[in-house]
Amino acid sequence: MIFKRWAVRYKHDKSPLDGCAFVHKAAATDAMNAMPNKDKLEVVQVAIMSVELAEHLAGQLSEL
């Protein structure tokens, strides 16, 4: 299964902040706005999947 979540991440390198994955976009936006360096951050939608699924998809891609 693949789950969609909202995450707060750094603009410069696109890495997510620890503990900043949310079900609702508003919660992610509120968390970002409460941070002192919010001008360096952004809220984006991300996908979360199991390692097993990721490995399966990677195996399928390598066969192409």
N, C-alpha and C. Protein backbone atom coordinates (compact mmCIF):
# COMPACT_ATOMS: atom_id res chain seq x y z
N MET A 1 0.82 -1.18 0.00
CA MET A 1 0.00 0.00 0.00
C MET A 1 0.87 1.25 0.00
N ILE A 2 0.33 2.27 -0.58
CA ILE A 2 0.99 3.57 -0.59
C ILE A 2 0.08 4.56 0.13
N PHE A 3 0.65 5.29 1.06
CA PHE A 3 -0.10 6.27 1.84
C PHE A 3 0.38 7.67 1.49
N LYS A 4 -0.55 8.60 1.36
CA LYS A 4 -0.21 9.99 1.11
C LYS A 4 -0.22 10.74 2.43
N ARG A 5 0.80 11.57 2.63
CA ARG A 5 0.90 12.40 3.82
C ARG A 5 1.43 13.77 3.41
N TRP A 6 1.31 14.72 4.32
CA TRP A 6 1.87 16.06 4.12
C TRP A 6 3.10 16.18 5.00
N ALA A 7 4.17 16.71 4.45
CA ALA A 7 5.42 16.82 5.19
C ALA A 7 5.98 18.23 5.09
N VAL A 8 6.73 18.60 6.11
CA VAL A 8 7.48 19.85 6.10
C VAL A 8 8.90 19.50 5.71
N ARG A 9 9.43 20.20 4.71
CA ARG A 9 10.79 19.91 4.27
C ARG A 9 11.55 21.21 3.99
N TYR A 10 12.88 21.07 3.96
CA TYR A 10 13.74 22.20 3.63
C TYR A 10 13.66 22.49 2.14
N LYS A 11 13.62 23.76 1.78
CA LYS A 11 13.56 24.15 0.37
C LYS A 11 14.87 23.85 -0.36
N HIS A 12 16.01 24.06 0.32
CA HIS A 12 17.30 23.99 -0.37
C HIS A 12 17.70 22.58 -0.79
N ASP A 13 17.39 21.57 0.01
CA ASP A 13 17.81 20.21 -0.38
C ASP A 13 16.66 19.21 -0.40
N LYS A 14 15.46 19.69 -0.16
CA LYS A 14 14.23 18.87 -0.23
C LYS A 14 14.18 17.75 0.81
N SER A 15 14.98 17.82 1.88
CA SER A 15 14.94 16.78 2.91
C SER A 15 13.86 17.10 3.94
N PRO A 16 13.11 16.07 4.37
CA PRO A 16 12.03 16.30 5.33
C PRO A 16 12.56 16.48 6.75
N LEU A 17 11.81 17.20 7.55
CA LEU A 17 12.15 17.36 8.96
C LEU A 17 11.65 16.15 9.73
N ASP A 18 12.40 15.72 10.72
CA ASP A 18 11.98 14.60 11.57
C ASP A 18 10.69 14.96 12.30
N GLY A 19 9.76 14.03 12.32
CA GLY A 19 8.52 14.22 13.06
C GLY A 19 7.56 15.19 12.42
N CYS A 20 7.74 15.49 11.15
CA CYS A 20 6.87 16.47 10.50
C CYS A 20 6.11 15.86 9.32
N ALA A 21 5.49 14.71 9.55
CA ALA A 21 4.60 14.10 8.56
C ALA A 21 3.19 14.12 9.15
N PHE A 22 2.23 14.59 8.37
CA PHE A 22 0.88 14.81 8.87
C PHE A 22 -0.15 14.26 7.90
N VAL A 23 -1.30 13.88 8.43
CA VAL A 23 -2.41 13.41 7.60
C VAL A 23 -3.08 14.59 6.89
N HIS A 24 -3.16 15.72 7.58
CA HIS A 24 -3.85 16.89 7.02
C HIS A 24 -2.86 18.01 6.69
N LYS A 25 -3.08 18.63 5.55
CA LYS A 25 -2.21 19.71 5.11
C LYS A 25 -2.21 20.87 6.10
N ALA A 26 -3.37 21.16 6.67
CA ALA A 26 -3.46 22.26 7.63
C ALA A 26 -2.55 22.03 8.84
N ALA A 27 -2.46 20.81 9.31
CA ALA A 27 -1.59 20.50 10.45
C ALA A 27 -0.12 20.71 10.08
N ALA A 28 0.26 20.33 8.87
CA ALA A 28 1.63 20.54 8.42
C ALA A 28 1.93 22.03 8.29
N THR A 29 0.99 22.78 7.76
CA THR A 29 1.17 24.22 7.61
C THR A 29 1.28 24.90 8.97
N ASP A 30 0.44 24.49 9.92
CA ASP A 30 0.51 25.05 11.28
C ASP A 30 1.86 24.76 11.92
N ALA A 31 2.36 23.53 11.75
CA ALA A 31 3.66 23.15 12.32
C ALA A 31 4.78 23.98 11.69
N MET A 32 4.73 24.17 10.38
CA MET A 32 5.75 24.96 9.70
C MET A 32 5.71 26.41 10.17
N ASN A 33 4.52 26.97 10.29
CA ASN A 33 4.39 28.37 10.70
C ASN A 33 4.85 28.61 12.14
N ALA A 34 4.87 27.58 12.96
CA ALA A 34 5.32 27.71 14.35
C ALA A 34 6.84 27.64 14.48
N MET A 35 7.53 27.33 13.39
CA MET A 35 8.99 27.18 13.44
C MET A 35 9.67 28.52 13.16
N PRO A 36 10.81 28.75 13.79
CA PRO A 36 11.48 30.04 13.63
C PRO A 36 12.08 30.25 12.23
N ASN A 37 12.39 29.20 11.52
CA ASN A 37 13.01 29.33 10.19
C ASN A 37 12.03 28.98 9.07
N LYS A 38 10.77 29.37 9.23
CA LYS A 38 9.74 28.95 8.28
C LYS A 38 9.98 29.46 6.85
N ASP A 39 10.76 30.50 6.67
CA ASP A 39 11.05 30.98 5.32
C ASP A 39 11.94 30.03 4.54
N LYS A 40 12.60 29.09 5.24
CA LYS A 40 13.46 28.10 4.60
C LYS A 40 12.76 26.76 4.40
N LEU A 41 11.46 26.70 4.74
CA LEU A 41 10.71 25.45 4.71
C LEU A 41 9.55 25.52 3.73
N GLU A 42 9.00 24.34 3.40
CA GLU A 42 7.80 24.26 2.57
C GLU A 42 7.02 23.01 2.95
N VAL A 43 5.72 23.04 2.63
CA VAL A 43 4.85 21.89 2.88
C VAL A 43 4.58 21.22 1.54
N VAL A 44 4.80 19.90 1.50
CA VAL A 44 4.59 19.15 0.26
C VAL A 44 3.88 17.82 0.58
N GLN A 45 3.21 17.29 -0.42
CA GLN A 45 2.60 15.98 -0.26
C GLN A 45 3.63 14.92 -0.62
N VAL A 46 3.71 13.88 0.21
CA VAL A 46 4.67 12.80 0.00
C VAL A 46 3.94 11.47 0.02
N ALA A 47 4.60 10.44 -0.48
CA ALA A 47 4.05 9.09 -0.46
C ALA A 47 4.92 8.24 0.46
N ILE A 48 4.26 7.42 1.27
CA ILE A 48 4.95 6.51 2.17
C ILE A 48 4.54 5.10 1.80
N MET A 49 5.51 4.21 1.64
CA MET A 49 5.21 2.83 1.29
C MET A 49 6.10 1.89 2.10
N SER A 50 5.73 0.64 2.13
CA SER A 50 6.53 -0.34 2.86
C SER A 50 7.83 -0.62 2.10
N VAL A 51 8.82 -1.10 2.81
CA VAL A 51 10.09 -1.45 2.20
C VAL A 51 9.88 -2.58 1.19
N GLU A 52 9.01 -3.53 1.53
CA GLU A 52 8.75 -4.64 0.63
C GLU A 52 8.21 -4.15 -0.72
N LEU A 53 7.28 -3.20 -0.68
CA LEU A 53 6.74 -2.66 -1.92
C LEU A 53 7.81 -1.91 -2.69
N ALA A 54 8.61 -1.12 -2.01
CA ALA A 54 9.67 -0.37 -2.68
C ALA A 54 10.66 -1.31 -3.36
N GLU A 55 11.03 -2.40 -2.68
CA GLU A 55 11.95 -3.36 -3.28
C GLU A 55 11.32 -4.06 -4.47
N HIS A 56 10.04 -4.37 -4.38
CA HIS A 56 9.33 -5.00 -5.49
C HIS A 56 9.32 -4.07 -6.71
N LEU A 57 8.97 -2.81 -6.49
CA LEU A 57 8.94 -1.84 -7.59
C LEU A 57 10.33 -1.64 -8.18
N ALA A 58 11.36 -1.59 -7.35
CA ALA A 58 12.72 -1.44 -7.84
C ALA A 58 13.12 -2.64 -8.69
N GLY A 59 12.70 -3.83 -8.28
CA GLY A 59 12.99 -5.03 -9.07
C GLY A 59 12.30 -5.00 -10.41
N GLN A 60 11.06 -4.50 -10.44
CA GLN A 60 10.33 -4.41 -11.70
C GLN A 60 10.99 -3.41 -12.63
N LEU A 61 11.49 -2.32 -12.11
CA LEU A 61 12.15 -1.30 -12.94
C LEU A 61 13.46 -1.83 -13.53
N SER A 62 14.16 -2.64 -12.75
CA SER A 62 15.45 -3.15 -13.24
C SER A 62 15.26 -4.12 -14.40
N GLU A 63 14.07 -4.68 -14.54
CA GLU A 63 13.80 -5.62 -15.63
C GLU A 63 13.47 -4.91 -16.94
N LEU A 64 13.25 -3.61 -16.90
CA LEU A 64 12.89 -2.88 -18.13
C LEU A 64 14.05 -2.66 -19.05
